[in-house]
mmCIF file of all heavy atoms, coordinates in Angstrom:
data_MODEL
# 
_entry.id   MODEL 
# 
loop_
_atom_site.group_PDB 
_atom_site.id 
_atom_site.type_symbol 
_atom_site.label_atom_id 
_atom_site.label_alt_id 
_atom_site.label_comp_id 
_atom_site.label_asym_id 
_atom_site.label_entity_id 
_atom_site.label_seq_id 
_atom_site.pdbx_PDB_ins_code 
_atom_site.Cartn_x 
_atom_site.Cartn_y 
_atom_site.Cartn_z 
_atom_site.occupancy 
_atom_site.B_iso_or_equiv 
_atom_site.pdbx_formal_charge 
_atom_site.auth_seq_id 
_atom_site.auth_comp_id 
_atom_site.auth_asym_id 
_atom_site.auth_atom_id 
_atom_site.pdbx_PDB_model_num 
ATOM 1   N N   . ALA A 1 1  ? 0.649  -26.656 -4.173  1.00 0.00 ? 1  ALA A N   1 
ATOM 2   C CA  . ALA A 1 1  ? 0.096  -27.297 -5.360  1.00 0.00 ? 1  ALA A CA  1 
ATOM 3   C C   . ALA A 1 1  ? -0.214 -26.290 -6.459  1.00 0.00 ? 1  ALA A C   1 
ATOM 4   O O   . ALA A 1 1  ? -0.133 -26.617 -7.646  1.00 0.00 ? 1  ALA A O   1 
ATOM 5   C CB  . ALA A 1 1  ? -1.167 -28.069 -4.980  1.00 0.00 ? 1  ALA A CB  1 
ATOM 6   N N   . PHE A 1 2  ? -0.564 -25.069 -6.067  1.00 0.00 ? 2  PHE A N   1 
ATOM 7   C CA  . PHE A 1 2  ? -0.946 -24.058 -7.045  1.00 0.00 ? 2  PHE A CA  1 
ATOM 8   C C   . PHE A 1 2  ? -0.079 -22.810 -6.880  1.00 0.00 ? 2  PHE A C   1 
ATOM 9   O O   . PHE A 1 2  ? 0.356  -22.485 -5.773  1.00 0.00 ? 2  PHE A O   1 
ATOM 10  C CB  . PHE A 1 2  ? -2.421 -23.680 -6.886  1.00 0.00 ? 2  PHE A CB  1 
ATOM 11  C CG  . PHE A 1 2  ? -3.373 -24.821 -7.109  1.00 0.00 ? 2  PHE A CG  1 
ATOM 12  C CD1 . PHE A 1 2  ? -3.943 -25.487 -6.029  1.00 0.00 ? 2  PHE A CD1 1 
ATOM 13  C CD2 . PHE A 1 2  ? -3.677 -25.245 -8.395  1.00 0.00 ? 2  PHE A CD2 1 
ATOM 14  C CE1 . PHE A 1 2  ? -4.807 -26.537 -6.236  1.00 0.00 ? 2  PHE A CE1 1 
ATOM 15  C CE2 . PHE A 1 2  ? -4.540 -26.298 -8.609  1.00 0.00 ? 2  PHE A CE2 1 
ATOM 16  C CZ  . PHE A 1 2  ? -5.109 -26.960 -7.531  1.00 0.00 ? 2  PHE A CZ  1 
ATOM 17  N N   . PRO A 1 3  ? 0.162  -22.123 -7.965  1.00 0.00 ? 3  PRO A N   1 
ATOM 18  C CA  . PRO A 1 3  ? 0.977  -20.907 -7.880  1.00 0.00 ? 3  PRO A CA  1 
ATOM 19  C C   . PRO A 1 3  ? 0.198  -19.749 -7.254  1.00 0.00 ? 3  PRO A C   1 
ATOM 20  O O   . PRO A 1 3  ? -1.034 -19.736 -7.264  1.00 0.00 ? 3  PRO A O   1 
ATOM 21  C CB  . PRO A 1 3  ? 1.313  -20.602 -9.348  1.00 0.00 ? 3  PRO A CB  1 
ATOM 22  C CG  . PRO A 1 3  ? 0.147  -21.153 -10.107 1.00 0.00 ? 3  PRO A CG  1 
ATOM 23  C CD  . PRO A 1 3  ? -0.265 -22.395 -9.358  1.00 0.00 ? 3  PRO A CD  1 
ATOM 24  N N   . VAL A 1 4  ? 0.941  -18.792 -6.725  1.00 0.00 ? 4  VAL A N   1 
ATOM 25  C CA  . VAL A 1 4  ? 0.336  -17.532 -6.287  1.00 0.00 ? 4  VAL A CA  1 
ATOM 26  C C   . VAL A 1 4  ? 0.123  -16.680 -7.529  1.00 0.00 ? 4  VAL A C   1 
ATOM 27  O O   . VAL A 1 4  ? 1.045  -16.444 -8.304  1.00 0.00 ? 4  VAL A O   1 
ATOM 28  C CB  . VAL A 1 4  ? 1.244  -16.809 -5.277  1.00 0.00 ? 4  VAL A CB  1 
ATOM 29  C CG1 . VAL A 1 4  ? 0.689  -15.418 -4.959  1.00 0.00 ? 4  VAL A CG1 1 
ATOM 30  C CG2 . VAL A 1 4  ? 1.377  -17.632 -4.003  1.00 0.00 ? 4  VAL A CG2 1 
ATOM 31  N N   . TYR A 1 5  ? -1.116 -16.209 -7.705  1.00 0.00 ? 5  TYR A N   1 
ATOM 32  C CA  . TYR A 1 5  ? -1.490 -15.473 -8.921  1.00 0.00 ? 5  TYR A CA  1 
ATOM 33  C C   . TYR A 1 5  ? -1.886 -14.045 -8.567  1.00 0.00 ? 5  TYR A C   1 
ATOM 34  O O   . TYR A 1 5  ? -2.653 -13.817 -7.623  1.00 0.00 ? 5  TYR A O   1 
ATOM 35  C CB  . TYR A 1 5  ? -2.655 -16.173 -9.616  1.00 0.00 ? 5  TYR A CB  1 
ATOM 36  C CG  . TYR A 1 5  ? -3.312 -15.367 -10.714 1.00 0.00 ? 5  TYR A CG  1 
ATOM 37  C CD1 . TYR A 1 5  ? -2.772 -15.314 -11.997 1.00 0.00 ? 5  TYR A CD1 1 
ATOM 38  C CD2 . TYR A 1 5  ? -4.508 -14.671 -10.466 1.00 0.00 ? 5  TYR A CD2 1 
ATOM 39  C CE1 . TYR A 1 5  ? -3.381 -14.582 -13.003 1.00 0.00 ? 5  TYR A CE1 1 
ATOM 40  C CE2 . TYR A 1 5  ? -5.126 -13.940 -11.473 1.00 0.00 ? 5  TYR A CE2 1 
ATOM 41  C CZ  . TYR A 1 5  ? -4.559 -13.902 -12.733 1.00 0.00 ? 5  TYR A CZ  1 
ATOM 42  O OH  . TYR A 1 5  ? -5.174 -13.177 -13.724 1.00 0.00 ? 5  TYR A OH  1 
ATOM 43  N N   . VAL A 1 6  ? -1.367 -13.093 -9.322  1.00 0.00 ? 6  VAL A N   1 
ATOM 44  C CA  . VAL A 1 6  ? -1.752 -11.690 -9.177  1.00 0.00 ? 6  VAL A CA  1 
ATOM 45  C C   . VAL A 1 6  ? -1.954 -11.098 -10.561 1.00 0.00 ? 6  VAL A C   1 
ATOM 46  O O   . VAL A 1 6  ? -1.130 -11.317 -11.458 1.00 0.00 ? 6  VAL A O   1 
ATOM 47  C CB  . VAL A 1 6  ? -0.679 -10.881 -8.415  1.00 0.00 ? 6  VAL A CB  1 
ATOM 48  C CG1 . VAL A 1 6  ? -0.925 -9.375  -8.570  1.00 0.00 ? 6  VAL A CG1 1 
ATOM 49  C CG2 . VAL A 1 6  ? -0.671 -11.245 -6.942  1.00 0.00 ? 6  VAL A CG2 1 
ATOM 50  N N   . PHE A 1 7  ? -3.047 -10.367 -10.733 1.00 0.00 ? 7  PHE A N   1 
ATOM 51  C CA  . PHE A 1 7  ? -3.262 -9.592  -11.951 1.00 0.00 ? 7  PHE A CA  1 
ATOM 52  C C   . PHE A 1 7  ? -3.386 -8.122  -11.558 1.00 0.00 ? 7  PHE A C   1 
ATOM 53  O O   . PHE A 1 7  ? -4.180 -7.769  -10.685 1.00 0.00 ? 7  PHE A O   1 
ATOM 54  C CB  . PHE A 1 7  ? -4.523 -10.041 -12.696 1.00 0.00 ? 7  PHE A CB  1 
ATOM 55  C CG  . PHE A 1 7  ? -4.702 -9.356  -14.033 1.00 0.00 ? 7  PHE A CG  1 
ATOM 56  C CD1 . PHE A 1 7  ? -4.127 -9.897  -15.170 1.00 0.00 ? 7  PHE A CD1 1 
ATOM 57  C CD2 . PHE A 1 7  ? -5.412 -8.158  -14.136 1.00 0.00 ? 7  PHE A CD2 1 
ATOM 58  C CE1 . PHE A 1 7  ? -4.266 -9.264  -16.399 1.00 0.00 ? 7  PHE A CE1 1 
ATOM 59  C CE2 . PHE A 1 7  ? -5.555 -7.520  -15.357 1.00 0.00 ? 7  PHE A CE2 1 
ATOM 60  C CZ  . PHE A 1 7  ? -4.978 -8.074  -16.496 1.00 0.00 ? 7  PHE A CZ  1 
ATOM 61  N N   . ALA A 1 8  ? -2.600 -7.264  -12.202 1.00 0.00 ? 8  ALA A N   1 
ATOM 62  C CA  . ALA A 1 8  ? -2.608 -5.832  -11.929 1.00 0.00 ? 8  ALA A CA  1 
ATOM 63  C C   . ALA A 1 8  ? -3.236 -5.096  -13.112 1.00 0.00 ? 8  ALA A C   1 
ATOM 64  O O   . ALA A 1 8  ? -2.605 -4.971  -14.163 1.00 0.00 ? 8  ALA A O   1 
ATOM 65  C CB  . ALA A 1 8  ? -1.196 -5.329  -11.676 1.00 0.00 ? 8  ALA A CB  1 
ATOM 66  N N   . PRO A 1 9  ? -4.472 -4.608  -12.987 1.00 0.00 ? 9  PRO A N   1 
ATOM 67  C CA  . PRO A 1 9  ? -5.102 -3.857  -14.086 1.00 0.00 ? 9  PRO A CA  1 
ATOM 68  C C   . PRO A 1 9  ? -4.355 -2.547  -14.341 1.00 0.00 ? 9  PRO A C   1 
ATOM 69  O O   . PRO A 1 9  ? -4.050 -1.804  -13.395 1.00 0.00 ? 9  PRO A O   1 
ATOM 70  C CB  . PRO A 1 9  ? -6.522 -3.591  -13.571 1.00 0.00 ? 9  PRO A CB  1 
ATOM 71  C CG  . PRO A 1 9  ? -6.727 -4.577  -12.468 1.00 0.00 ? 9  PRO A CG  1 
ATOM 72  C CD  . PRO A 1 9  ? -5.385 -4.775  -11.848 1.00 0.00 ? 9  PRO A CD  1 
ATOM 73  N N   . TYR A 1 10 ? -4.095 -2.260  -15.590 1.00 0.00 ? 10 TYR A N   1 
ATOM 74  C CA  . TYR A 1 10 ? -3.324 -1.067  -15.939 1.00 0.00 ? 10 TYR A CA  1 
ATOM 75  C C   . TYR A 1 10 ? -4.021 0.219   -15.502 1.00 0.00 ? 10 TYR A C   1 
ATOM 76  O O   . TYR A 1 10 ? -3.378 1.145   -14.979 1.00 0.00 ? 10 TYR A O   1 
ATOM 77  C CB  . TYR A 1 10 ? -3.085 -1.037  -17.448 1.00 0.00 ? 10 TYR A CB  1 
ATOM 78  C CG  . TYR A 1 10 ? -2.269 0.138   -17.913 1.00 0.00 ? 10 TYR A CG  1 
ATOM 79  C CD1 . TYR A 1 10 ? -0.912 0.238   -17.605 1.00 0.00 ? 10 TYR A CD1 1 
ATOM 80  C CD2 . TYR A 1 10 ? -2.848 1.157   -18.657 1.00 0.00 ? 10 TYR A CD2 1 
ATOM 81  C CE1 . TYR A 1 10 ? -0.156 1.320   -18.026 1.00 0.00 ? 10 TYR A CE1 1 
ATOM 82  C CE2 . TYR A 1 10 ? -2.110 2.249   -19.090 1.00 0.00 ? 10 TYR A CE2 1 
ATOM 83  C CZ  . TYR A 1 10 ? -0.768 2.321   -18.773 1.00 0.00 ? 10 TYR A CZ  1 
ATOM 84  O OH  . TYR A 1 10 ? -0.024 3.400   -19.184 1.00 0.00 ? 10 TYR A OH  1 
ATOM 85  N N   . GLU A 1 11 ? -5.321 0.296   -15.685 1.00 0.00 ? 11 GLU A N   1 
ATOM 86  C CA  . GLU A 1 11 ? -6.058 1.513   -15.344 1.00 0.00 ? 11 GLU A CA  1 
ATOM 87  C C   . GLU A 1 11 ? -6.034 1.788   -13.853 1.00 0.00 ? 11 GLU A C   1 
ATOM 88  O O   . GLU A 1 11 ? -6.155 2.936   -13.428 1.00 0.00 ? 11 GLU A O   1 
ATOM 89  C CB  . GLU A 1 11 ? -7.503 1.421   -15.836 1.00 0.00 ? 11 GLU A CB  1 
ATOM 90  C CG  . GLU A 1 11 ? -7.652 1.477   -17.348 1.00 0.00 ? 11 GLU A CG  1 
ATOM 91  C CD  . GLU A 1 11 ? -7.145 2.792   -17.928 1.00 0.00 ? 11 GLU A CD  1 
ATOM 92  O OE1 . GLU A 1 11 ? -7.340 3.845   -17.274 1.00 0.00 ? 11 GLU A OE1 1 
ATOM 93  O OE2 . GLU A 1 11 ? -6.560 2.773   -19.019 1.00 0.00 ? 11 GLU A OE2 1 
ATOM 94  N N   . ASP A 1 12 ? -5.864 0.754   -13.045 1.00 0.00 ? 12 ASP A N   1 
ATOM 95  C CA  . ASP A 1 12 ? -5.829 0.939   -11.600 1.00 0.00 ? 12 ASP A CA  1 
ATOM 96  C C   . ASP A 1 12 ? -4.464 1.417   -11.106 1.00 0.00 ? 12 ASP A C   1 
ATOM 97  O O   . ASP A 1 12 ? -4.380 2.054   -10.049 1.00 0.00 ? 12 ASP A O   1 
ATOM 98  C CB  . ASP A 1 12 ? -6.158 -0.373  -10.882 1.00 0.00 ? 12 ASP A CB  1 
ATOM 99  C CG  . ASP A 1 12 ? -7.613 -0.773  -11.036 1.00 0.00 ? 12 ASP A CG  1 
ATOM 100 O OD1 . ASP A 1 12 ? -8.390 0.033   -11.586 1.00 0.00 ? 12 ASP A OD1 1 
ATOM 101 O OD2 . ASP A 1 12 ? -7.972 -1.892  -10.622 1.00 0.00 ? 12 ASP A OD2 1 
ATOM 102 N N   . TYR A 1 13 ? -3.420 1.104   -11.847 1.00 0.00 ? 13 TYR A N   1 
ATOM 103 C CA  . TYR A 1 13 ? -2.068 1.365   -11.347 1.00 0.00 ? 13 TYR A CA  1 
ATOM 104 C C   . TYR A 1 13 ? -1.302 2.433   -12.118 1.00 0.00 ? 13 TYR A C   1 
ATOM 105 O O   . TYR A 1 13 ? -0.296 2.934   -11.624 1.00 0.00 ? 13 TYR A O   1 
ATOM 106 C CB  . TYR A 1 13 ? -1.253 0.064   -11.341 1.00 0.00 ? 13 TYR A CB  1 
ATOM 107 C CG  . TYR A 1 13 ? -1.689 -0.886  -10.262 1.00 0.00 ? 13 TYR A CG  1 
ATOM 108 C CD1 . TYR A 1 13 ? -2.677 -1.834  -10.515 1.00 0.00 ? 13 TYR A CD1 1 
ATOM 109 C CD2 . TYR A 1 13 ? -1.142 -0.819  -8.993  1.00 0.00 ? 13 TYR A CD2 1 
ATOM 110 C CE1 . TYR A 1 13 ? -3.101 -2.701  -9.522  1.00 0.00 ? 13 TYR A CE1 1 
ATOM 111 C CE2 . TYR A 1 13 ? -1.558 -1.676  -7.992  1.00 0.00 ? 13 TYR A CE2 1 
ATOM 112 C CZ  . TYR A 1 13 ? -2.533 -2.616  -8.255  1.00 0.00 ? 13 TYR A CZ  1 
ATOM 113 O OH  . TYR A 1 13 ? -2.959 -3.460  -7.268  1.00 0.00 ? 13 TYR A OH  1 
ATOM 114 N N   . LYS A 1 14 ? -1.730 2.784   -13.308 1.00 0.00 ? 14 LYS A N   1 
ATOM 115 C CA  . LYS A 1 14 ? -0.964 3.749   -14.088 1.00 0.00 ? 14 LYS A CA  1 
ATOM 116 C C   . LYS A 1 14 ? -0.962 5.103   -13.379 1.00 0.00 ? 14 LYS A C   1 
ATOM 117 O O   . LYS A 1 14 ? -1.902 5.468   -12.680 1.00 0.00 ? 14 LYS A O   1 
ATOM 118 C CB  . LYS A 1 14 ? -1.546 3.894   -15.492 1.00 0.00 ? 14 LYS A CB  1 
ATOM 119 C CG  . LYS A 1 14 ? -2.895 4.595   -15.549 1.00 0.00 ? 14 LYS A CG  1 
ATOM 120 C CD  . LYS A 1 14 ? -3.322 4.823   -16.989 1.00 0.00 ? 14 LYS A CD  1 
ATOM 121 C CE  . LYS A 1 14 ? -4.639 5.589   -17.060 1.00 0.00 ? 14 LYS A CE  1 
ATOM 122 N NZ  . LYS A 1 14 ? -5.053 5.872   -18.446 1.00 0.00 ? 14 LYS A NZ  1 
ATOM 123 N N   . ARG A 1 15 ? 0.137  5.832   -13.561 1.00 0.00 ? 15 ARG A N   1 
ATOM 124 C CA  . ARG A 1 15 ? 0.283  7.129   -12.929 1.00 0.00 ? 15 ARG A CA  1 
ATOM 125 C C   . ARG A 1 15 ? 0.780  8.150   -13.929 1.00 0.00 ? 15 ARG A C   1 
ATOM 126 O O   . ARG A 1 15 ? 1.420  7.804   -14.929 1.00 0.00 ? 15 ARG A O   1 
ATOM 127 C CB  . ARG A 1 15 ? 1.247  7.038   -11.735 1.00 0.00 ? 15 ARG A CB  1 
ATOM 128 C CG  . ARG A 1 15 ? 0.688  6.254   -10.554 1.00 0.00 ? 15 ARG A CG  1 
ATOM 129 C CD  . ARG A 1 15 ? -0.559 6.910   -10.004 1.00 0.00 ? 15 ARG A CD  1 
ATOM 130 N NE  . ARG A 1 15 ? -1.127 6.198   -8.873  1.00 0.00 ? 15 ARG A NE  1 
ATOM 131 C CZ  . ARG A 1 15 ? -2.074 5.277   -8.969  1.00 0.00 ? 15 ARG A CZ  1 
ATOM 132 N NH1 . ARG A 1 15 ? -2.536 4.943   -10.158 1.00 0.00 ? 15 ARG A NH1 1 
ATOM 133 N NH2 . ARG A 1 15 ? -2.551 4.690   -7.892  1.00 0.00 ? 15 ARG A NH2 1 
ATOM 134 N N   . ASN A 1 16 ? 0.478  9.415   -13.649 1.00 0.00 ? 16 ASN A N   1 
ATOM 135 C CA  . ASN A 1 16 ? 0.885  10.501  -14.518 1.00 0.00 ? 16 ASN A CA  1 
ATOM 136 C C   . ASN A 1 16 ? 2.317  10.901  -14.186 1.00 0.00 ? 16 ASN A C   1 
ATOM 137 O O   . ASN A 1 16 ? 2.570  11.900  -13.500 1.00 0.00 ? 16 ASN A O   1 
ATOM 138 C CB  . ASN A 1 16 ? -0.056 11.699  -14.344 1.00 0.00 ? 16 ASN A CB  1 
ATOM 139 C CG  . ASN A 1 16 ? 0.281  12.826  -15.294 1.00 0.00 ? 16 ASN A CG  1 
ATOM 140 O OD1 . ASN A 1 16 ? 0.874  12.605  -16.349 1.00 0.00 ? 16 ASN A OD1 1 
ATOM 141 N ND2 . ASN A 1 16 ? -0.081 14.037  -14.919 1.00 0.00 ? 16 ASN A ND2 1 
ATOM 142 N N   . SER A 1 17 ? 3.263  10.099  -14.630 1.00 0.00 ? 17 SER A N   1 
ATOM 143 C CA  . SER A 1 17 ? 4.676  10.372  -14.383 1.00 0.00 ? 17 SER A CA  1 
ATOM 144 C C   . SER A 1 17 ? 5.474  10.022  -15.633 1.00 0.00 ? 17 SER A C   1 
ATOM 145 O O   . SER A 1 17 ? 5.004  9.300   -16.509 1.00 0.00 ? 17 SER A O   1 
ATOM 146 C CB  . SER A 1 17 ? 5.185  9.560   -13.189 1.00 0.00 ? 17 SER A CB  1 
ATOM 147 O OG  . SER A 1 17 ? 5.211  8.178   -13.500 1.00 0.00 ? 17 SER A OG  1 
ATOM 148 N N   . GLN A 1 18 ? 6.680  10.535  -15.685 1.00 0.00 ? 18 GLN A N   1 
ATOM 149 C CA  . GLN A 1 18 ? 7.496  10.341  -16.882 1.00 0.00 ? 18 GLN A CA  1 
ATOM 150 C C   . GLN A 1 18 ? 7.839  8.878   -17.108 1.00 0.00 ? 18 GLN A C   1 
ATOM 151 O O   . GLN A 1 18 ? 7.791  8.386   -18.232 1.00 0.00 ? 18 GLN A O   1 
ATOM 152 C CB  . GLN A 1 18 ? 8.772  11.172  -16.765 1.00 0.00 ? 18 GLN A CB  1 
ATOM 153 C CG  . GLN A 1 18 ? 9.635  11.133  -18.030 1.00 0.00 ? 18 GLN A CG  1 
ATOM 154 C CD  . GLN A 1 18 ? 10.805 12.085  -17.935 1.00 0.00 ? 18 GLN A CD  1 
ATOM 155 O OE1 . GLN A 1 18 ? 10.913 12.861  -17.002 1.00 0.00 ? 18 GLN A OE1 1 
ATOM 156 N NE2 . GLN A 1 18 ? 11.684 12.027  -18.916 1.00 0.00 ? 18 GLN A NE2 1 
ATOM 157 N N   . VAL A 1 19 ? 8.186  8.179   -16.039 1.00 0.00 ? 19 VAL A N   1 
ATOM 158 C CA  . VAL A 1 19 ? 8.593  6.781   -16.202 1.00 0.00 ? 19 VAL A CA  1 
ATOM 159 C C   . VAL A 1 19 ? 7.408  5.924   -16.659 1.00 0.00 ? 19 VAL A C   1 
ATOM 160 O O   . VAL A 1 19 ? 7.565  5.022   -17.490 1.00 0.00 ? 19 VAL A O   1 
ATOM 161 C CB  . VAL A 1 19 ? 9.209  6.237   -14.901 1.00 0.00 ? 19 VAL A CB  1 
ATOM 162 C CG1 . VAL A 1 19 ? 8.177  6.146   -13.786 1.00 0.00 ? 19 VAL A CG1 1 
ATOM 163 C CG2 . VAL A 1 19 ? 9.855  4.874   -15.133 1.00 0.00 ? 19 VAL A CG2 1 
ATOM 164 N N   . TRP A 1 20 ? 6.183  6.219   -16.165 1.00 0.00 ? 20 TRP A N   1 
ATOM 165 C CA  . TRP A 1 20 ? 5.011  5.474   -16.607 1.00 0.00 ? 20 TRP A CA  1 
ATOM 166 C C   . TRP A 1 20 ? 4.658  5.818   -18.048 1.00 0.00 ? 20 TRP A C   1 
ATOM 167 O O   . TRP A 1 20 ? 4.176  4.962   -18.796 1.00 0.00 ? 20 TRP A O   1 
ATOM 168 C CB  . TRP A 1 20 ? 3.817  5.737   -15.686 1.00 0.00 ? 20 TRP A CB  1 
ATOM 169 C CG  . TRP A 1 20 ? 3.809  4.859   -14.481 1.00 0.00 ? 20 TRP A CG  1 
ATOM 170 C CD1 . TRP A 1 20 ? 4.426  5.083   -13.290 1.00 0.00 ? 20 TRP A CD1 1 
ATOM 171 C CD2 . TRP A 1 20 ? 3.152  3.591   -14.357 1.00 0.00 ? 20 TRP A CD2 1 
ATOM 172 N NE1 . TRP A 1 20 ? 4.198  4.035   -12.428 1.00 0.00 ? 20 TRP A NE1 1 
ATOM 173 C CE2 . TRP A 1 20 ? 3.410  3.113   -13.049 1.00 0.00 ? 20 TRP A CE2 1 
ATOM 174 C CE3 . TRP A 1 20 ? 2.361  2.829   -15.216 1.00 0.00 ? 20 TRP A CE3 1 
ATOM 175 C CZ2 . TRP A 1 20 ? 2.913  1.892   -12.590 1.00 0.00 ? 20 TRP A CZ2 1 
ATOM 176 C CZ3 . TRP A 1 20 ? 1.861  1.620   -14.764 1.00 0.00 ? 20 TRP A CZ3 1 
ATOM 177 C CH2 . TRP A 1 20 ? 2.141  1.153   -13.456 1.00 0.00 ? 20 TRP A CH2 1 
ATOM 178 N N   . SER A 1 21 ? 4.874  7.063   -18.448 1.00 0.00 ? 21 SER A N   1 
ATOM 179 C CA  . SER A 1 21 ? 4.603  7.465   -19.828 1.00 0.00 ? 21 SER A CA  1 
ATOM 180 C C   . SER A 1 21 ? 5.575  6.804   -20.803 1.00 0.00 ? 21 SER A C   1 
ATOM 181 O O   . SER A 1 21 ? 5.189  6.398   -21.901 1.00 0.00 ? 21 SER A O   1 
ATOM 182 C CB  . SER A 1 21 ? 4.696  8.983   -19.959 1.00 0.00 ? 21 SER A CB  1 
ATOM 183 O OG  . SER A 1 21 ? 3.699  9.623   -19.192 1.00 0.00 ? 21 SER A OG  1 
ATOM 184 N N   . ASN A 1 22 ? 6.832  6.704   -20.395 1.00 0.00 ? 22 ASN A N   1 
ATOM 185 C CA  . ASN A 1 22 ? 7.861  6.153   -21.288 1.00 0.00 ? 22 ASN A CA  1 
ATOM 186 C C   . ASN A 1 22 ? 7.886  4.629   -21.301 1.00 0.00 ? 22 ASN A C   1 
ATOM 187 O O   . ASN A 1 22 ? 8.190  4.018   -22.330 1.00 0.00 ? 22 ASN A O   1 
ATOM 188 C CB  . ASN A 1 22 ? 9.237  6.676   -20.879 1.00 0.00 ? 22 ASN A CB  1 
ATOM 189 C CG  . ASN A 1 22 ? 9.394  8.165   -21.120 1.00 0.00 ? 22 ASN A CG  1 
ATOM 190 O OD1 . ASN A 1 22 ? 8.644  8.752   -21.892 1.00 0.00 ? 22 ASN A OD1 1 
ATOM 191 N ND2 . ASN A 1 22 ? 10.357 8.775   -20.459 1.00 0.00 ? 22 ASN A ND2 1 
ATOM 192 N N   . TYR A 1 23 ? 7.603  4.004   -20.161 1.00 0.00 ? 23 TYR A N   1 
ATOM 193 C CA  . TYR A 1 23 ? 7.728  2.542   -20.050 1.00 0.00 ? 23 TYR A CA  1 
ATOM 194 C C   . TYR A 1 23 ? 6.489  1.935   -19.388 1.00 0.00 ? 23 TYR A C   1 
ATOM 195 O O   . TYR A 1 23 ? 6.588  1.295   -18.335 1.00 0.00 ? 23 TYR A O   1 
ATOM 196 C CB  . TYR A 1 23 ? 8.974  2.181   -19.243 1.00 0.00 ? 23 TYR A CB  1 
ATOM 197 C CG  . TYR A 1 23 ? 10.226 2.869   -19.713 1.00 0.00 ? 23 TYR A CG  1 
ATOM 198 C CD1 . TYR A 1 23 ? 10.762 3.943   -19.015 1.00 0.00 ? 23 TYR A CD1 1 
ATOM 199 C CD2 . TYR A 1 23 ? 10.881 2.452   -20.879 1.00 0.00 ? 23 TYR A CD2 1 
ATOM 200 C CE1 . TYR A 1 23 ? 11.912 4.587   -19.450 1.00 0.00 ? 23 TYR A CE1 1 
ATOM 201 C CE2 . TYR A 1 23 ? 12.030 3.087   -21.321 1.00 0.00 ? 23 TYR A CE2 1 
ATOM 202 C CZ  . TYR A 1 23 ? 12.536 4.150   -20.603 1.00 0.00 ? 23 TYR A CZ  1 
ATOM 203 O OH  . TYR A 1 23 ? 13.667 4.789   -21.024 1.00 0.00 ? 23 TYR A OH  1 
ATOM 204 N N   . PRO A 1 24 ? 5.318  2.102   -19.981 1.00 0.00 ? 24 PRO A N   1 
ATOM 205 C CA  . PRO A 1 24 ? 4.098  1.624   -19.323 1.00 0.00 ? 24 PRO A CA  1 
ATOM 206 C C   . PRO A 1 24 ? 4.060  0.108   -19.149 1.00 0.00 ? 24 PRO A C   1 
ATOM 207 O O   . PRO A 1 24 ? 3.590  -0.385  -18.116 1.00 0.00 ? 24 PRO A O   1 
ATOM 208 C CB  . PRO A 1 24 ? 2.984  2.097   -20.261 1.00 0.00 ? 24 PRO A CB  1 
ATOM 209 C CG  . PRO A 1 24 ? 3.650  2.270   -21.592 1.00 0.00 ? 24 PRO A CG  1 
ATOM 210 C CD  . PRO A 1 24 ? 5.037  2.740   -21.280 1.00 0.00 ? 24 PRO A CD  1 
ATOM 211 N N   . ASN A 1 25 ? 4.549  -0.630  -20.140 1.00 0.00 ? 25 ASN A N   1 
ATOM 212 C CA  . ASN A 1 25 ? 4.506  -2.091  -20.018 1.00 0.00 ? 25 ASN A CA  1 
ATOM 213 C C   . ASN A 1 25 ? 5.460  -2.595  -18.938 1.00 0.00 ? 25 ASN A C   1 
ATOM 214 O O   . ASN A 1 25 ? 5.135  -3.497  -18.161 1.00 0.00 ? 25 ASN A O   1 
ATOM 215 C CB  . ASN A 1 25 ? 4.814  -2.762  -21.357 1.00 0.00 ? 25 ASN A CB  1 
ATOM 216 C CG  . ASN A 1 25 ? 6.119  -2.280  -21.961 1.00 0.00 ? 25 ASN A CG  1 
ATOM 217 O OD1 . ASN A 1 25 ? 6.710  -1.268  -21.547 1.00 0.00 ? 25 ASN A OD1 1 
ATOM 218 N ND2 . ASN A 1 25 ? 6.599  -2.992  -22.970 1.00 0.00 ? 25 ASN A ND2 1 
ATOM 219 N N   . ALA A 1 26 ? 6.650  -2.000  -18.854 1.00 0.00 ? 26 ALA A N   1 
ATOM 220 C CA  . ALA A 1 26 ? 7.610  -2.420  -17.830 1.00 0.00 ? 26 ALA A CA  1 
ATOM 221 C C   . ALA A 1 26 ? 7.107  -2.086  -16.428 1.00 0.00 ? 26 ALA A C   1 
ATOM 222 O O   . ALA A 1 26 ? 7.267  -2.882  -15.485 1.00 0.00 ? 26 ALA A O   1 
ATOM 223 C CB  . ALA A 1 26 ? 8.965  -1.748  -18.068 1.00 0.00 ? 26 ALA A CB  1 
ATOM 224 N N   . MET A 1 27 ? 6.476  -0.933  -16.267 1.00 0.00 ? 27 MET A N   1 
ATOM 225 C CA  . MET A 1 27 ? 6.022  -0.516  -14.941 1.00 0.00 ? 27 MET A CA  1 
ATOM 226 C C   . MET A 1 27 ? 4.855  -1.363  -14.444 1.00 0.00 ? 27 MET A C   1 
ATOM 227 O O   . MET A 1 27 ? 4.836  -1.766  -13.272 1.00 0.00 ? 27 MET A O   1 
ATOM 228 C CB  . MET A 1 27 ? 5.630  0.960   -14.969 1.00 0.00 ? 27 MET A CB  1 
ATOM 229 C CG  . MET A 1 27 ? 6.802  1.904   -15.179 1.00 0.00 ? 27 MET A CG  1 
ATOM 230 S SD  . MET A 1 27 ? 8.124  1.685   -13.956 1.00 0.00 ? 27 MET A SD  1 
ATOM 231 C CE  . MET A 1 27 ? 7.260  2.144   -12.453 1.00 0.00 ? 27 MET A CE  1 
ATOM 232 N N   . ILE A 1 28 ? 3.879  -1.652  -15.304 1.00 0.00 ? 28 ILE A N   1 
ATOM 233 C CA  . ILE A 1 28 ? 2.752  -2.458  -14.838 1.00 0.00 ? 28 ILE A CA  1 
ATOM 234 C C   . ILE A 1 28 ? 3.206  -3.894  -14.568 1.00 0.00 ? 28 ILE A C   1 
ATOM 235 O O   . ILE A 1 28 ? 2.701  -4.549  -13.656 1.00 0.00 ? 28 ILE A O   1 
ATOM 236 C CB  . ILE A 1 28 ? 1.580  -2.419  -15.858 1.00 0.00 ? 28 ILE A CB  1 
ATOM 237 C CG1 . ILE A 1 28 ? 0.316  -3.003  -15.232 1.00 0.00 ? 28 ILE A CG1 1 
ATOM 238 C CG2 . ILE A 1 28 ? 1.936  -3.118  -17.153 1.00 0.00 ? 28 ILE A CG2 1 
ATOM 239 C CD1 . ILE A 1 28 ? -0.175 -2.261  -14.005 1.00 0.00 ? 28 ILE A CD1 1 
# 
């Protein structure tokens, strides 16, 4: 009846890597 919902906070998941620096919205 209801969808499975997940929210990923950016501050919890961001990492100091090139791909996260270049594409933060795509990675989160």
